[in-house]
């Protein structure tokens, strides 16, 4: 059964089982990457705010929030939650897909509820609930915009994120959208959703290629690094850079008509709040929350940018 919800692509309800309302205190572990870049900083903000709010709303729920700066730390955090807090549910945004799959699978096999956010695991079917942006759609919207801005084709370079299933989905969606357009990807490397890494990657691209018409940075933090490298090199051949996620700095540049940042694509870090909230509902009611909750990506242009500009946001 598929139920369409406003503001998202779809919620696919796969099961209707719910946790008993027996007054017993239940523990929800939340394991997320540390604020190593802007999007993650926004995600951390929303996670903390949501935990604090829900602890007041649900007196029979306890939350354990841990942040990790690398996959090994995140694995240890999850194992510690199981061993010392005996968690009833886990909300996890994997730092990387492969190393986090076995420990999350062990949590699921213990009988605890598992909600996976954003970066999918490398084995399908482990989680009870998956909350994410529309990653194939994110790539598709980005590619379609590239095609609209480059009707005669051209040479572009691509910066990928951290090696994860969602990065694969984004790139595949992008490549499908530009197929047959005359746009050629002449180089592609991982920028790891990091400004410094992306600066270095873009420097390498600039040294290797005399003509680059545009850049798909695929993330706003990476776009910041890319722009810095272009400025440092004094290159004028690049027409524009397309990032993604809706960082307020980038949305402001779109609003102001910046030629180098003419558009952006949404991918809200507040999806972690959706995941935690839905898990809490599943633990305290008979509401069906199993399945997949997908939040659609929207193209931000100068015409609609004001709708996506939140000056008080941390991201």
Protein backbone atom coordinates (compact mmCIF):
# COMPACT_ATOMS: atom_id res chain seq x y z
CA UNK A 1 0.00 0.00 0.00
CA UNK A 2 1.37 3.42 -0.91
CA UNK A 3 0.21 6.65 0.73
CA UNK A 4 1.12 9.99 -0.83
CA UNK A 5 2.04 12.75 1.62
CA UNK A 6 2.51 16.47 1.02
CA UNK A 7 6.13 17.56 0.90
CA UNK A 8 7.53 14.13 0.15
CA UNK A 9 7.62 11.69 -2.71
CA UNK A 10 5.94 8.79 -0.93
CA UNK A 11 5.55 6.86 2.28
CA UNK A 12 5.32 3.17 1.55
CA UNK A 13 3.71 1.39 4.47
CA UNK A 14 5.11 -2.13 4.66
CA UNK A 15 3.89 -3.17 8.08
CA UNK A 16 1.41 -2.04 10.71
CA UNK A 17 2.92 -3.47 13.85
CA UNK A 18 3.52 -0.99 16.67
CA UNK A 19 5.21 -1.00 20.03
CA UNK A 20 2.95 -1.65 23.01
CA UNK A 21 1.82 1.28 25.09
CA UNK A 22 2.50 -0.40 28.44
CA UNK A 23 4.01 2.53 30.31
CA UNK A 24 7.47 0.98 30.15
CA UNK A 25 10.34 3.38 29.42
CA UNK A 26 11.89 2.69 26.06
CA UNK A 27 15.29 3.81 24.87
CA UNK A 28 15.95 5.19 21.37
CA UNK A 29 19.56 5.48 20.27
CA UNK A 30 20.43 8.12 17.69
CA UNK A 31 23.79 7.68 15.94
CA UNK A 32 24.90 10.31 13.42
CA UNK A 33 28.10 11.71 11.91
CA UNK A 34 29.69 14.69 13.64
CA UNK A 35 29.38 18.16 12.13
CA UNK A 36 32.29 17.71 9.72
CA UNK A 37 30.67 19.94 7.07
CA UNK A 38 27.77 22.32 6.74
CA UNK A 39 25.02 19.83 5.92
CA UNK A 40 26.09 17.62 8.81
CA UNK A 41 26.14 20.68 11.07
CA UNK A 42 22.53 21.39 10.17
CA UNK A 43 21.65 17.74 10.71
CA UNK A 44 23.27 17.79 14.17
CA UNK A 45 21.31 20.91 15.07
CA UNK A 46 18.00 19.34 14.07
CA UNK A 47 18.81 16.05 15.82
CA UNK A 48 19.61 17.76 19.13
CA UNK A 49 16.56 20.02 18.92
CA UNK A 50 14.27 17.09 18.13
CA UNK A 51 15.60 14.90 20.95
CA UNK A 52 15.14 17.70 23.48
CA UNK A 53 11.61 18.38 22.27
CA UNK A 54 10.52 14.74 22.16
CA UNK A 55 11.85 14.00 25.64
CA UNK A 56 9.28 16.50 26.88
CA UNK A 57 6.49 15.20 24.65
CA UNK A 58 7.07 11.50 25.47
CA UNK A 59 7.94 10.98 29.17
CA UNK A 60 8.23 7.22 28.59
CA UNK A 61 11.03 7.63 26.02
CA UNK A 62 14.71 8.10 26.72
CA UNK A 63 17.12 9.14 23.98
CA UNK A 64 20.84 8.47 23.58
CA UNK A 65 22.45 10.78 21.00
CA UNK A 66 26.00 10.08 19.83
CA UNK A 67 28.02 11.76 17.07
CA UNK A 68 31.01 10.22 15.33
CA UNK A 69 33.83 11.71 13.28
CA UNK A 70 34.62 8.43 11.49
CA UNK A 71 33.00 5.04 10.79
CA UNK A 72 34.99 3.23 13.49
CA UNK A 73 33.76 5.61 16.18
CA UNK A 74 30.19 5.21 14.98
CA UNK A 75 30.44 1.41 15.14
CA UNK A 76 31.71 1.69 18.74
CA UNK A 77 28.91 4.12 19.61
CA UNK A 78 26.24 1.72 18.40
CA UNK A 79 27.78 -1.28 20.14
CA UNK A 80 27.98 0.76 23.35
CA UNK A 81 24.29 1.74 23.06
CA UNK A 82 23.34 -1.93 22.83
CA UNK A 83 25.63 -3.07 25.63
CA UNK A 84 25.07 -0.32 28.19
CA UNK A 85 21.61 1.07 27.38
CA UNK A 86 19.87 -1.96 25.85
CA UNK A 87 18.25 0.27 23.22
CA UNK A 88 14.78 -0.60 21.93
CA UNK A 89 15.27 1.35 18.70
CA UNK A 90 18.13 2.82 16.69
CA UNK A 91 18.00 5.82 14.39
CA UNK A 92 21.22 5.82 12.38
CA UNK A 93 22.65 7.96 9.61
CA UNK A 94 25.64 5.84 8.54
CA UNK A 95 28.96 7.62 8.18
CA UNK A 96 29.67 5.15 5.38
CA UNK A 97 27.49 2.32 4.14
CA UNK A 98 29.78 -0.72 4.17
CA UNK A 99 31.38 -0.54 7.64
CA UNK A 100 28.09 0.33 9.34
CA UNK A 101 26.06 -2.49 7.80
CA UNK A 102 27.20 -5.36 10.10
CA UNK A 103 26.68 -3.53 13.43
CA UNK A 104 23.28 -2.17 12.37
CA UNK A 105 22.30 -5.63 11.16
CA UNK A 106 23.25 -6.99 14.59
CA UNK A 107 20.95 -4.42 16.22
CA UNK A 108 18.09 -5.48 13.97
CA UNK A 109 18.71 -9.16 14.69
CA UNK A 110 18.52 -8.42 18.41
CA UNK A 111 14.88 -7.42 17.93
CA UNK A 112 15.33 -3.66 18.17
CA UNK A 113 13.63 -1.31 15.74
CA UNK A 114 15.98 0.18 13.14
CA UNK A 115 15.48 3.45 11.27
CA UNK A 116 18.13 4.25 8.66
CA UNK A 117 18.48 7.83 7.44
CA UNK A 118 19.94 9.22 4.22
CA UNK A 119 22.87 6.91 3.52
CA UNK A 120 21.50 3.43 2.96
CA UNK A 121 23.18 0.26 4.15
CA UNK A 122 24.97 -2.04 1.73
CA UNK A 123 22.52 -4.89 2.43
CA UNK A 124 18.85 -4.31 1.66
CA UNK A 125 16.00 -5.05 4.03
CA UNK A 126 17.76 -4.60 7.38
CA UNK A 127 15.86 -1.50 8.48
CA UNK A 128 12.22 -1.18 9.52
CA UNK A 129 12.04 2.43 8.31
CA UNK A 130 14.13 4.32 5.77
CA UNK A 131 13.99 8.13 5.66
CA UNK A 132 15.91 9.98 2.98
CA UNK A 133 15.87 12.55 0.28
CA UNK A 134 15.14 11.44 -3.26
CA UNK A 135 18.74 10.75 -4.24
CA UNK A 136 18.06 9.49 -7.78
CA UNK A 137 15.77 12.52 -8.16
CA UNK A 138 18.48 14.81 -6.76
CA UNK A 139 20.84 13.62 -9.49
CA UNK A 140 18.13 13.75 -12.15
CA UNK A 141 17.05 17.33 -11.28
CA UNK A 142 20.71 18.39 -11.31
CA UNK A 143 21.35 16.75 -14.67
CA UNK A 144 18.21 18.19 -16.23
CA UNK A 145 19.29 21.67 -15.14
CA UNK A 146 22.73 21.13 -16.65
CA UNK A 147 21.12 20.13 -19.95
CA UNK A 148 18.85 23.19 -19.91
CA UNK A 149 21.83 25.50 -19.39
CA UNK A 150 24.10 23.78 -21.93
CA UNK A 151 21.92 23.16 -25.01
CA UNK A 152 24.98 22.74 -27.21
CA UNK A 153 26.69 20.35 -24.81
CA UNK A 154 30.14 20.84 -23.31
CA UNK A 155 32.78 19.48 -20.96
CA UNK A 156 32.04 19.18 -17.25
CA UNK A 157 33.74 17.77 -14.18
CA UNK A 158 31.91 16.06 -11.31
CA UNK A 159 32.68 15.92 -7.62
CA UNK A 160 31.20 12.92 -5.82
CA UNK A 161 30.51 12.68 -2.09
CA UNK A 162 31.61 10.03 0.41
CA UNK A 163 31.42 6.52 -1.09
CA UNK A 164 27.87 5.49 -0.15
CA UNK A 165 24.79 4.04 -1.76
CA UNK A 166 23.20 7.50 -1.97
CA UNK A 167 26.22 8.90 -3.80
CA UNK A 168 25.89 6.08 -6.33
CA UNK A 169 22.19 6.84 -6.75
CA UNK A 170 22.84 10.55 -7.29
CA UNK A 171 25.52 9.98 -9.89
CA UNK A 172 23.46 7.38 -11.75
CA UNK A 173 20.47 9.76 -11.81
CA UNK A 174 22.67 12.58 -13.08
CA UNK A 175 24.30 10.48 -15.78
CA UNK A 176 20.93 9.26 -17.02
CA UNK A 177 19.64 12.85 -17.23
CA UNK A 178 22.53 14.10 -19.37
CA UNK A 179 22.69 11.05 -21.63
CA UNK A 180 22.55 12.05 -25.29
CA UNK A 181 22.78 15.78 -24.51
CA UNK A 182 26.30 16.35 -25.75
CA UNK A 183 27.51 17.02 -22.21
CA UNK A 184 30.63 15.00 -21.50
CA UNK A 185 31.97 14.21 -18.02
CA UNK A 186 35.72 14.58 -18.57
CA UNK A 187 36.69 13.87 -14.94
CA UNK A 188 35.04 12.68 -11.74
CA UNK A 189 36.47 12.29 -8.23
CA UNK A 190 35.25 12.04 -4.64
CA UNK A 191 35.23 15.35 -2.76
CA UNK A 192 33.75 13.64 0.33
CA UNK A 193 31.20 16.44 0.94
CA UNK A 194 34.11 18.43 2.32
CA UNK A 195 35.26 21.94 1.36
CA UNK A 196 38.98 21.30 1.73
CA UNK A 197 38.91 17.97 -0.10
CA UNK A 198 36.89 19.54 -2.89
CA UNK A 199 39.29 22.47 -3.17
CA UNK A 200 42.12 19.97 -3.71
CA UNK A 201 40.13 17.88 -6.19
CA UNK A 202 39.16 20.96 -8.19
CA UNK A 203 42.76 22.17 -8.21
CA UNK A 204 43.70 18.84 -9.75
CA UNK A 205 40.92 19.12 -12.34
CA UNK A 206 42.06 22.63 -13.28
CA UNK A 207 45.65 21.53 -13.71
CA UNK A 208 44.63 18.60 -15.95
CA UNK A 209 42.01 20.26 -18.16
CA UNK A 210 42.41 23.48 -20.16
CA UNK A 211 38.68 23.80 -20.88
CA UNK A 212 35.94 23.08 -18.34
CA UNK A 213 32.53 24.51 -19.16
CA UNK A 214 30.72 23.77 -15.90
CA UNK A 215 31.00 21.83 -12.62
CA UNK A 216 28.50 19.56 -10.93
CA UNK A 217 29.70 19.82 -7.34
CA UNK A 218 26.63 17.86 -6.15
CA UNK A 219 26.81 19.49 -2.68
CA UNK A 220 26.96 23.08 -1.44
CA UNK A 221 29.98 22.55 0.81
CA UNK A 222 31.86 21.03 -2.08
CA UNK A 223 30.74 23.92 -4.28
CA UNK A 224 32.37 26.35 -1.81
CA UNK A 225 35.68 24.51 -2.19
CA UNK A 226 35.30 24.38 -5.96
CA UNK A 227 34.66 28.13 -6.21
CA UNK A 228 37.72 28.86 -4.07
CA UNK A 229 39.90 26.75 -6.35
CA UNK A 230 38.53 28.47 -9.45
CA UNK A 231 39.19 31.90 -7.93
CA UNK A 232 42.71 30.92 -6.88
CA UNK A 233 43.50 29.70 -10.40
CA UNK A 234 41.99 32.75 -12.05
CA UNK A 235 40.10 30.55 -14.51
CA UNK A 236 37.36 32.21 -16.56
CA UNK A 237 36.27 29.32 -18.79
CA UNK A 238 33.86 27.82 -16.23
CA UNK A 239 30.33 29.11 -16.78
CA UNK A 240 28.74 27.97 -13.52
CA UNK A 241 28.89 25.57 -10.58
CA UNK A 242 25.87 23.55 -9.43
CA UNK A 243 25.87 22.34 -5.84
CA UNK A 244 23.00 21.04 -3.80
CA UNK A 245 21.32 20.81 -0.36
CA UNK A 246 19.98 24.34 -0.02
CA UNK A 247 22.69 25.94 2.12
CA UNK A 248 21.57 29.48 2.98
CA UNK A 249 24.81 30.97 1.60
CA UNK A 250 24.15 29.35 -1.77
CA UNK A 251 20.45 30.16 -1.79
CA UNK A 252 21.33 33.79 -1.12
CA UNK A 253 23.70 33.79 -4.09
CA UNK A 254 20.93 32.36 -6.26
CA UNK A 255 18.54 35.06 -5.00
CA UNK A 256 21.07 37.75 -5.89
CA UNK A 257 21.54 36.46 -9.44
CA UNK A 258 25.14 35.25 -9.03
CA UNK A 259 26.28 34.02 -12.45
CA UNK A 260 28.47 31.30 -10.93
CA UNK A 261 25.67 29.96 -8.70
CA UNK A 262 22.53 30.34 -10.82
CA UNK A 263 20.65 27.48 -9.14
CA UNK A 264 20.68 24.93 -6.33
CA UNK A 265 18.90 21.65 -5.54
CA UNK A 266 17.27 20.92 -2.17
CA UNK A 267 18.26 18.08 0.18
CA UNK A 268 17.18 19.14 3.71
CA UNK A 269 19.30 18.16 6.74
CA UNK A 270 16.10 18.34 8.80
CA UNK A 271 15.23 14.86 7.50
CA UNK A 272 16.91 13.54 10.69
CA UNK A 273 14.10 15.21 12.67
CA UNK A 274 11.53 13.41 10.53
CA UNK A 275 13.26 10.08 11.19
CA UNK A 276 13.49 10.55 14.96
CA UNK A 277 9.90 11.77 15.20
CA UNK A 278 8.51 8.87 13.17
CA UNK A 279 10.49 6.39 15.26
CA UNK A 280 9.08 7.91 18.44
CA UNK A 281 5.56 7.64 17.04
CA UNK A 282 6.16 4.00 16.17
CA UNK A 283 7.41 3.27 19.68
CA UNK A 284 4.48 4.93 21.45
CA UNK A 285 1.41 4.33 19.28
CA UNK A 286 -0.26 1.98 16.84
CA UNK A 287 0.45 4.29 13.91
CA UNK A 288 2.03 2.43 10.94
CA UNK A 289 5.45 3.92 10.26
CA UNK A 290 7.36 1.05 8.65
CA UNK A 291 8.57 1.46 5.09
CA UNK A 292 10.17 4.23 3.09
CA UNK A 293 9.69 7.97 3.52
CA UNK A 294 11.18 9.90 0.62
CA UNK A 295 11.57 13.69 0.58
CA UNK A 296 11.63 15.10 -2.94
CA UNK A 297 14.34 17.39 -4.37
CA UNK A 298 13.35 20.78 -5.78
CA UNK A 299 15.29 23.02 -8.17
CA UNK A 300 15.98 26.42 -6.60
CA UNK A 301 16.23 29.30 -9.06
CA UNK A 302 16.16 33.06 -8.69
CA UNK A 303 12.39 32.95 -9.20
CA UNK A 304 11.67 30.76 -6.15
CA UNK A 305 14.83 31.11 -4.03
CA UNK A 306 13.18 33.30 -1.39
CA UNK A 307 10.95 30.35 -0.43
CA UNK A 308 14.05 28.34 0.51
CA UNK A 309 16.07 31.06 2.27
CA UNK A 310 16.20 30.71 6.06
CA UNK A 311 18.66 33.30 7.42
CA UNK A 312 18.47 32.00 11.01
CA UNK A 313 19.30 28.43 10.01
CA UNK A 314 22.69 27.02 11.08
CA UNK A 315 23.12 25.65 7.53
